[in-house]
């Protein structure tokens, strides 16, 4: 009887892992080999608001604001607006000297900062809102490609966020993880006609659309605002496009402690996002392919936990071999095949530039990050209201 229960339990785990891996593999192949949409310089210029919410980011916001203000989009067609939440008075004064517009707030939440800014700005002054984090740097031509996308009729786009820094093994692994996520959750879905997932920065929206989204209670009380944006776009039947060559440089976490804190925030946001699918306001949401794809995406384990599960499975397989006792079902070859397919999925999604000695050295940090992920799971709160701040300070561009 006990063996039947173990077999059934492990078989359920296998079905979940196998279904998840097959899904990710198909998306990975589409993202790697599918035809990408191209966006160019469009002679028709829309007016763009570059909105930068900044919470206690005195070390980095000046560099970000200067770079944004000097971006190579026609000066008469864009404005930089910083939302200063608990910035030092001296920082605010230096921002105004750049010059950029500054709105001082005390709200302790990114979503509320954005809402305050959108409420304060004349909605007829701008066509597009480009949202950056306080550490983000737009590459040359980024806003031109965003402008072209909106001229082609898109209402929401996600740019290609990529690493600003790879200065430590953890930062390098985080950079690689970002590129994997780009392929699996942005590029791949967009290529096959689904909706790209917003990352939280380097994303642009129709002004009226995003103002309406950020006026909802669901997002104003949600530290994981990008997940709620995803929900709200889905409810409105609006697909998010992905612009592959519009790069936004983003600072990667440099050590395991910051990694752990960041992952607590992400894990809590994912759990809350799954729960959102069962809220009363979701009953009328069209049950389209986009809906089911988004729901399944949020049932996927984070990558480090996925690898941790596989590591535990391999430990059980070794025990089976040593003691000649069957613990897992189905047979070992199926589990190994599932892992090989998952490894191939990751291999496909990692850019060729990362296949080098530095990456091999960085992989030695994976067990440390697995431990940090376990600690993050144990520190999760069901209904956290405060924003878990992860400090940023890197001002040099990536190689």
Protein backbone atom coordinates (compact mmCIF):
# COMPACT_ATOMS: atom_id res chain seq x y z
CA UNK A 1 0.00 0.00 0.00
CA UNK A 2 2.74 2.46 0.95
CA UNK A 3 4.55 1.87 -2.35
CA UNK A 4 1.33 2.62 -4.24
CA UNK A 5 1.02 5.96 -2.45
CA UNK A 6 4.67 6.84 -3.15
CA UNK A 7 4.32 5.83 -6.80
CA UNK A 8 1.18 7.94 -7.19
CA UNK A 9 2.75 10.97 -5.49
CA UNK A 10 5.96 10.80 -7.55
CA UNK A 11 3.96 10.23 -10.73
CA UNK A 12 2.00 13.45 -10.09
CA UNK A 13 5.31 15.30 -9.61
CA UNK A 14 6.61 13.81 -12.85
CA UNK A 15 3.51 14.89 -14.80
CA UNK A 16 3.91 18.44 -13.51
CA UNK A 17 7.64 18.57 -14.33
CA UNK A 18 7.18 16.96 -17.74
CA UNK A 19 4.27 19.22 -18.74
CA UNK A 20 6.17 22.30 -17.57
CA UNK A 21 9.32 21.26 -19.40
CA UNK A 22 7.51 20.48 -22.67
CA UNK A 23 5.73 23.84 -22.54
CA UNK A 24 8.98 25.72 -21.91
CA UNK A 25 10.81 23.78 -24.64
CA UNK A 26 8.22 24.72 -27.29
CA UNK A 27 8.36 28.38 -26.26
CA UNK A 28 12.18 28.30 -26.19
CA UNK A 29 12.37 26.93 -29.74
CA UNK A 30 9.89 29.57 -30.95
CA UNK A 31 11.88 32.34 -29.29
CA UNK A 32 15.20 31.08 -30.63
CA UNK A 33 14.26 30.30 -34.22
CA UNK A 34 11.00 32.18 -34.85
CA UNK A 35 10.74 35.32 -36.94
CA UNK A 36 10.99 38.49 -34.85
CA UNK A 37 9.06 41.68 -35.62
CA UNK A 38 11.18 44.63 -36.67
CA UNK A 39 10.71 48.24 -35.58
CA UNK A 40 12.50 51.18 -37.13
CA UNK A 41 12.63 54.99 -37.03
CA UNK A 42 9.16 56.32 -37.85
CA UNK A 43 8.82 59.89 -39.24
CA UNK A 44 5.60 60.33 -37.25
CA UNK A 45 6.61 61.12 -33.67
CA UNK A 46 4.37 60.47 -30.68
CA UNK A 47 4.96 62.35 -27.45
CA UNK A 48 6.51 60.12 -24.80
CA UNK A 49 6.63 60.52 -21.03
CA UNK A 50 9.63 58.70 -19.54
CA UNK A 51 8.47 57.95 -16.01
CA UNK A 52 11.03 56.90 -13.39
CA UNK A 53 9.73 56.02 -9.91
CA UNK A 54 12.60 56.11 -7.42
CA UNK A 55 12.42 54.86 -3.84
CA UNK A 56 15.49 55.70 -1.72
CA UNK A 57 17.72 55.44 -4.83
CA UNK A 58 19.92 58.49 -4.21
CA UNK A 59 23.02 56.54 -5.29
CA UNK A 60 21.78 55.82 -8.79
CA UNK A 61 18.89 58.06 -9.83
CA UNK A 62 21.02 61.02 -10.98
CA UNK A 63 22.93 58.85 -13.46
CA UNK A 64 19.68 57.34 -14.73
CA UNK A 65 17.92 60.68 -15.08
CA UNK A 66 20.86 62.27 -16.96
CA UNK A 67 21.01 59.36 -19.37
CA UNK A 68 17.26 59.48 -19.97
CA UNK A 69 17.28 63.25 -20.51
CA UNK A 70 20.06 62.86 -23.11
CA UNK A 71 18.35 60.04 -25.00
CA UNK A 72 18.45 60.41 -28.79
CA UNK A 73 14.72 60.93 -29.38
CA UNK A 74 13.61 64.41 -30.57
CA UNK A 75 13.72 66.67 -27.49
CA UNK A 76 10.34 68.28 -28.23
CA UNK A 77 8.65 64.89 -28.17
CA UNK A 78 9.64 63.45 -24.80
CA UNK A 79 9.98 64.47 -21.17
CA UNK A 80 11.65 62.77 -18.20
CA UNK A 81 9.63 62.70 -14.99
CA UNK A 82 11.10 61.33 -11.75
CA UNK A 83 8.82 60.34 -8.87
CA UNK A 84 10.94 60.94 -5.77
CA UNK A 85 9.84 58.73 -2.89
CA UNK A 86 12.07 59.42 0.14
CA UNK A 87 14.92 60.88 -1.88
CA UNK A 88 17.23 63.32 -0.10
CA UNK A 89 16.46 67.04 -0.68
CA UNK A 90 19.93 67.49 -2.19
CA UNK A 91 19.20 64.71 -4.71
CA UNK A 92 15.88 66.31 -5.68
CA UNK A 93 17.62 69.65 -6.24
CA UNK A 94 20.27 68.05 -8.44
CA UNK A 95 17.57 66.28 -10.47
CA UNK A 96 15.85 69.59 -11.17
CA UNK A 97 19.17 71.03 -12.36
CA UNK A 98 19.63 68.30 -15.02
CA UNK A 99 16.81 69.35 -15.74
CA UNK A 100 14.04 66.79 -15.31
CA UNK A 101 10.58 67.15 -13.77
CA UNK A 102 10.31 65.86 -10.20
CA UNK A 103 7.28 64.93 -8.11
CA UNK A 104 8.00 64.30 -4.43
CA UNK A 105 5.81 61.68 -2.75
CA UNK A 106 5.77 59.58 0.42
CA UNK A 107 3.89 56.41 -0.53
CA UNK A 108 6.32 53.47 -0.04
CA UNK A 109 5.04 51.62 -3.11
CA UNK A 110 6.06 51.76 -6.76
CA UNK A 111 2.47 51.42 -8.01
CA UNK A 112 1.35 54.36 -5.87
CA UNK A 113 4.27 56.48 -7.08
CA UNK A 114 3.29 55.84 -10.69
CA UNK A 115 -0.37 56.55 -9.96
CA UNK A 116 0.53 59.86 -8.29
CA UNK A 117 2.55 60.90 -11.34
CA UNK A 118 -0.11 59.90 -13.88
CA UNK A 119 -2.74 61.75 -11.88
CA UNK A 120 -0.61 64.91 -11.72
CA UNK A 121 0.19 65.01 -15.46
CA UNK A 122 -2.18 66.27 -18.14
CA UNK A 123 -3.25 63.14 -20.00
CA UNK A 124 -3.58 65.08 -23.25
CA UNK A 125 0.08 66.12 -23.18
CA UNK A 126 1.52 62.65 -23.93
CA UNK A 127 0.62 59.65 -26.08
CA UNK A 128 2.93 57.06 -24.50
CA UNK A 129 4.29 56.35 -21.02
CA UNK A 130 7.68 54.61 -20.85
CA UNK A 131 8.32 53.23 -17.34
CA UNK A 132 11.90 52.78 -16.16
CA UNK A 133 13.34 51.67 -12.83
CA UNK A 134 15.77 53.99 -11.05
CA UNK A 135 18.75 51.96 -12.34
CA UNK A 136 17.64 51.59 -15.98
CA UNK A 137 19.52 53.03 -18.96
CA UNK A 138 17.88 53.10 -22.40
CA UNK A 139 20.09 52.13 -25.32
CA UNK A 140 20.33 54.43 -28.36
CA UNK A 141 17.21 54.28 -30.50
CA UNK A 142 15.08 52.65 -27.81
CA UNK A 143 12.33 55.29 -27.84
CA UNK A 144 12.38 55.41 -31.66
CA UNK A 145 11.46 51.73 -31.78
CA UNK A 146 8.83 52.21 -29.09
CA UNK A 147 7.37 55.09 -31.10
CA UNK A 148 7.26 52.92 -34.23
CA UNK A 149 5.43 50.14 -32.37
CA UNK A 150 2.72 52.53 -31.18
CA UNK A 151 2.40 54.03 -34.65
CA UNK A 152 1.72 50.49 -35.84
CA UNK A 153 -1.19 50.21 -33.43
CA UNK A 154 0.25 48.48 -30.35
CA UNK A 155 -0.99 49.72 -26.97
CA UNK A 156 1.61 48.04 -24.75
CA UNK A 157 5.18 46.92 -25.42
CA UNK A 158 8.00 45.38 -23.42
CA UNK A 159 11.55 46.30 -24.39
CA UNK A 160 14.49 43.93 -24.11
CA UNK A 161 15.80 44.41 -20.59
CA UNK A 162 19.37 43.20 -20.32
CA UNK A 163 22.20 43.31 -17.78
CA UNK A 164 24.03 46.54 -17.02
CA UNK A 165 26.58 44.70 -14.86
CA UNK A 166 28.19 41.27 -14.74
CA UNK A 167 30.76 42.20 -12.14
CA UNK A 168 30.26 39.22 -9.78
CA UNK A 169 29.37 35.54 -10.33
CA UNK A 170 25.89 36.15 -8.88
CA UNK A 171 25.35 39.16 -11.15
CA UNK A 172 26.43 37.09 -14.16
CA UNK A 173 24.01 34.29 -13.25
CA UNK A 174 21.25 36.87 -12.77
CA UNK A 175 22.08 38.33 -16.19
CA UNK A 176 21.83 34.88 -17.78
CA UNK A 177 18.56 34.25 -15.95
CA UNK A 178 17.17 37.52 -17.35
CA UNK A 179 18.02 36.44 -20.91
CA UNK A 180 16.40 33.04 -20.36
CA UNK A 181 13.26 34.77 -19.11
CA UNK A 182 13.30 37.08 -22.12
CA UNK A 183 13.22 34.09 -24.43
CA UNK A 184 10.67 32.05 -22.48
CA UNK A 185 8.22 34.72 -21.34
CA UNK A 186 8.63 37.64 -23.75
CA UNK A 187 10.19 36.82 -27.12
CA UNK A 188 8.80 33.29 -27.50
CA UNK A 189 5.16 34.03 -26.58
CA UNK A 190 5.12 37.19 -28.75
CA UNK A 191 6.42 35.28 -31.77
CA UNK A 192 3.70 32.60 -31.56
CA UNK A 193 0.91 35.17 -31.16
CA UNK A 194 0.49 35.19 -27.39
CA UNK A 195 1.19 38.12 -25.09
CA UNK A 196 4.64 38.96 -23.76
CA UNK A 197 4.86 39.29 -19.99
CA UNK A 198 5.75 42.70 -18.52
CA UNK A 199 8.95 42.76 -16.46
CA UNK A 200 8.23 45.86 -14.39
CA UNK A 201 10.47 48.29 -16.25
CA UNK A 202 11.49 49.02 -19.81
CA UNK A 203 7.81 48.80 -20.68
CA UNK A 204 5.64 51.33 -22.53
CA UNK A 205 1.89 51.89 -22.66
CA UNK A 206 -0.76 54.09 -24.18
CA UNK A 207 -1.14 56.95 -21.67
CA UNK A 208 -4.88 56.60 -21.13
CA UNK A 209 -4.61 52.82 -20.81
CA UNK A 210 -1.90 52.80 -18.15
CA UNK A 211 -3.50 55.67 -16.22
CA UNK A 212 -6.70 53.65 -16.04
CA UNK A 213 -4.84 50.51 -14.94
CA UNK A 214 -2.96 52.33 -12.18
CA UNK A 215 -6.14 53.80 -10.76
CA UNK A 216 -7.44 50.36 -9.71
CA UNK A 217 -7.34 49.20 -6.08
CA UNK A 218 -5.89 45.85 -7.17
CA UNK A 219 -2.65 47.49 -8.29
CA UNK A 220 -2.38 50.26 -5.69
CA UNK A 221 -2.14 47.68 -2.88
CA UNK A 222 0.11 45.30 -4.77
CA UNK A 223 3.95 45.31 -4.43
CA UNK A 224 4.11 43.14 -7.58
CA UNK A 225 2.60 45.74 -9.90
CA UNK A 226 3.97 44.13 -13.08
CA UNK A 227 1.94 40.98 -12.38
CA UNK A 228 -1.22 43.04 -11.93
CA UNK A 229 -0.50 44.93 -15.17
CA UNK A 230 -0.41 41.52 -16.86
CA UNK A 231 -3.83 40.69 -15.39
CA UNK A 232 -5.34 44.03 -16.37
CA UNK A 233 -4.07 43.79 -19.97
CA UNK A 234 -5.50 40.28 -20.21
CA UNK A 235 -8.90 41.44 -18.92
CA UNK A 236 -8.94 44.12 -21.62
CA UNK A 237 -7.91 41.65 -24.37
CA UNK A 238 -4.74 43.67 -25.00
CA UNK A 239 -1.61 41.77 -26.01
CA UNK A 240 1.80 43.08 -25.02
CA UNK A 241 4.32 43.20 -27.88
CA UNK A 242 8.03 42.57 -27.40
CA UNK A 243 10.72 44.71 -29.08
CA UNK A 244 13.83 42.56 -29.19
CA UNK A 245 16.38 45.19 -30.17
CA UNK A 246 15.15 48.04 -27.95
CA UNK A 247 17.53 47.46 -25.06
CA UNK A 248 17.12 48.75 -21.52
CA UNK A 249 20.12 48.13 -19.27
CA UNK A 250 19.18 46.93 -15.79
CA UNK A 251 21.34 46.37 -12.73
CA UNK A 252 21.62 42.72 -11.66
CA UNK A 253 21.92 41.62 -8.04
CA UNK A 254 25.57 41.24 -7.06
CA UNK A 255 25.38 38.95 -4.03
CA UNK A 256 23.32 36.14 -2.51
CA UNK A 257 21.82 38.32 0.24
CA UNK A 258 20.24 40.76 -2.22
CA UNK A 259 19.24 37.81 -4.43
CA UNK A 260 17.37 36.30 -1.50
CA UNK A 261 15.53 39.53 -0.70
CA UNK A 262 14.59 40.07 -4.34
CA UNK A 263 13.30 36.51 -4.70
CA UNK A 264 11.12 36.85 -1.60
CA UNK A 265 9.38 39.73 -3.36
CA UNK A 266 9.08 37.80 -6.62
CA UNK A 267 7.80 34.61 -4.98
CA UNK A 268 5.16 36.51 -3.03
CA UNK A 269 4.07 38.31 -6.20
CA UNK A 270 3.78 35.00 -8.07
CA UNK A 271 1.68 33.35 -5.36
CA UNK A 272 -0.60 36.39 -5.15
CA UNK A 273 -0.88 36.46 -8.93
CA UNK A 274 -2.08 32.84 -9.03
CA UNK A 275 -4.66 33.69 -6.37
CA UNK A 276 -5.83 36.66 -8.47
CA UNK A 277 -7.15 34.27 -11.12
CA UNK A 278 -9.79 33.14 -8.61
CA UNK A 279 -10.97 36.59 -7.49
CA UNK A 280 -14.55 37.65 -8.27
CA UNK A 281 -13.52 40.27 -10.84
CA UNK A 282 -11.81 37.56 -12.93
CA UNK A 283 -14.99 35.57 -13.60
CA UNK A 284 -15.88 37.68 -16.63
CA UNK A 285 -12.36 37.58 -18.11
CA UNK A 286 -12.42 35.98 -21.58
CA UNK A 287 -11.05 32.41 -21.36
CA UNK A 288 -8.78 32.77 -24.37
CA UNK A 289 -5.44 31.15 -25.19
CA UNK A 290 -3.76 34.18 -23.59
CA UNK A 291 -5.71 33.57 -20.36
CA UNK A 292 -4.74 29.90 -20.09
CA UNK A 293 -1.15 30.64 -21.09
CA UNK A 294 -0.83 33.28 -18.37
CA UNK A 295 -2.38 30.98 -15.79
CA UNK A 296 -0.04 28.11 -16.66
CA UNK A 297 2.99 30.43 -16.65
CA UNK A 298 2.27 31.36 -13.07
CA UNK A 299 2.08 27.71 -12.01
CA UNK A 300 5.68 27.21 -13.12
CA UNK A 301 8.29 26.94 -10.40
CA UNK A 302 11.03 29.58 -10.37
CA UNK A 303 14.10 28.27 -12.17
CA UNK A 304 16.28 27.76 -9.10
CA UNK A 305 13.51 25.79 -7.37
CA UNK A 306 13.02 23.77 -10.56
CA UNK A 307 16.70 22.82 -10.49
CA UNK A 308 16.46 22.07 -6.78
CA UNK A 309 13.62 19.62 -7.39
CA UNK A 310 15.64 17.90 -10.12
CA UNK A 311 18.63 17.70 -7.77
CA UNK A 312 16.45 15.99 -5.16
CA UNK A 313 15.08 13.59 -7.77
CA UNK A 314 18.62 12.63 -8.80
CA UNK A 315 19.45 12.00 -5.16
CA UNK A 316 16.49 9.59 -4.97
CA UNK A 317 17.59 7.90 -8.20
CA UNK A 318 21.02 7.28 -6.69
CA UNK A 319 19.38 5.78 -3.60
CA UNK A 320 17.32 3.52 -5.86
CA UNK A 321 20.45 2.33 -7.62
CA UNK A 322 22.42 1.74 -4.39
CA UNK A 323 19.68 -0.09 -2.49
CA UNK A 324 17.96 -1.66 -5.52
CA UNK A 325 14.57 -0.42 -4.36
CA UNK A 326 11.96 1.38 -6.45
CA UNK A 327 11.05 4.80 -5.01
CA UNK A 328 10.10 6.78 -8.08
CA UNK A 329 7.55 6.23 -10.81
CA UNK A 330 7.89 6.21 -13.80
CA UNK A 331 11.27 4.46 -14.35
CA UNK A 332 14.53 6.42 -14.11
CA UNK A 333 14.91 6.88 -17.87
CA UNK A 334 11.81 9.10 -17.94
CA UNK A 335 13.09 11.36 -15.17
CA UNK A 336 16.49 11.64 -16.81
CA UNK A 337 14.85 12.40 -20.16
CA UNK A 338 12.78 15.15 -18.55
CA UNK A 339 15.89 16.71 -17.05
CA UNK A 340 17.77 16.53 -20.38
CA UNK A 341 14.85 18.27 -22.12
CA UNK A 342 14.84 20.99 -19.44
CA UNK A 343 18.59 21.46 -19.77
CA UNK A 344 18.19 21.74 -23.56
CA UNK A 345 15.49 24.38 -23.02
CA UNK A 346 17.89 26.47 -20.96
CA UNK A 347 20.73 25.89 -23.44
CA UNK A 348 18.56 27.15 -26.31
CA UNK A 349 17.53 30.25 -24.36
CA UNK A 350 21.00 31.38 -23.25
CA UNK A 351 22.71 33.75 -25.72
CA UNK A 352 25.92 32.42 -27.26
CA UNK A 353 27.92 35.25 -25.71
CA UNK A 354 27.49 33.61 -22.31
CA UNK A 355 29.11 30.32 -23.28
CA UNK A 356 32.53 31.00 -21.80
CA UNK A 357 34.79 30.32 -18.84
CA UNK A 358 33.24 33.04 -16.69
CA UNK A 359 29.85 31.37 -16.89
CA UNK A 360 31.34 28.01 -15.90
CA UNK A 361 32.94 29.63 -12.85
CA UNK A 362 29.69 31.40 -11.99
CA UNK A 363 27.79 28.09 -12.03
CA UNK A 364 29.67 27.17 -8.87
CA UNK A 365 27.42 29.70 -7.12
CA UNK A 366 24.23 27.82 -8.04
CA UNK A 367 24.16 25.74 -4.79
CA UNK A 368 24.47 29.00 -2.81
CA UNK A 369 21.55 30.49 -4.73
CA UNK A 370 19.52 27.32 -4.16
CA UNK A 371 20.01 27.77 -0.42
CA UNK A 372 19.02 31.45 -0.74
CA UNK A 373 15.89 30.39 -2.63
CA UNK A 374 14.90 27.95 0.11
CA UNK A 375 15.37 30.71 2.69
CA UNK A 376 13.28 33.03 0.52
CA UNK A 377 10.43 30.50 0.43
CA UNK A 378 10.52 30.23 4.23
CA UNK A 379 10.37 34.03 4.63
CA UNK A 380 7.37 34.59 2.37
CA UNK A 381 4.37 36.45 3.76
CA UNK A 382 0.85 35.79 2.56
CA UNK A 383 -0.27 39.44 2.32
CA UNK A 384 2.76 41.70 2.46
CA UNK A 385 1.87 45.36 1.93
CA UNK A 386 5.30 46.97 2.22
CA UNK A 387 7.77 47.13 -0.66
CA UNK A 388 10.93 45.05 -0.23
CA UNK A 389 13.63 47.42 -1.42
CA UNK A 390 16.78 46.05 -3.07
CA UNK A 391 19.45 48.78 -3.29
CA UNK A 392 21.09 49.66 -6.62
CA UNK A 393 24.33 51.57 -7.22
CA UNK A 394 26.04 50.37 -10.43
CA UNK A 395 26.53 53.22 -12.90
CA UNK A 396 28.83 51.70 -15.53
CA UNK A 397 27.38 50.22 -18.70
CA UNK A 398 27.82 46.54 -19.49
CA UNK A 399 30.51 45.46 -21.92
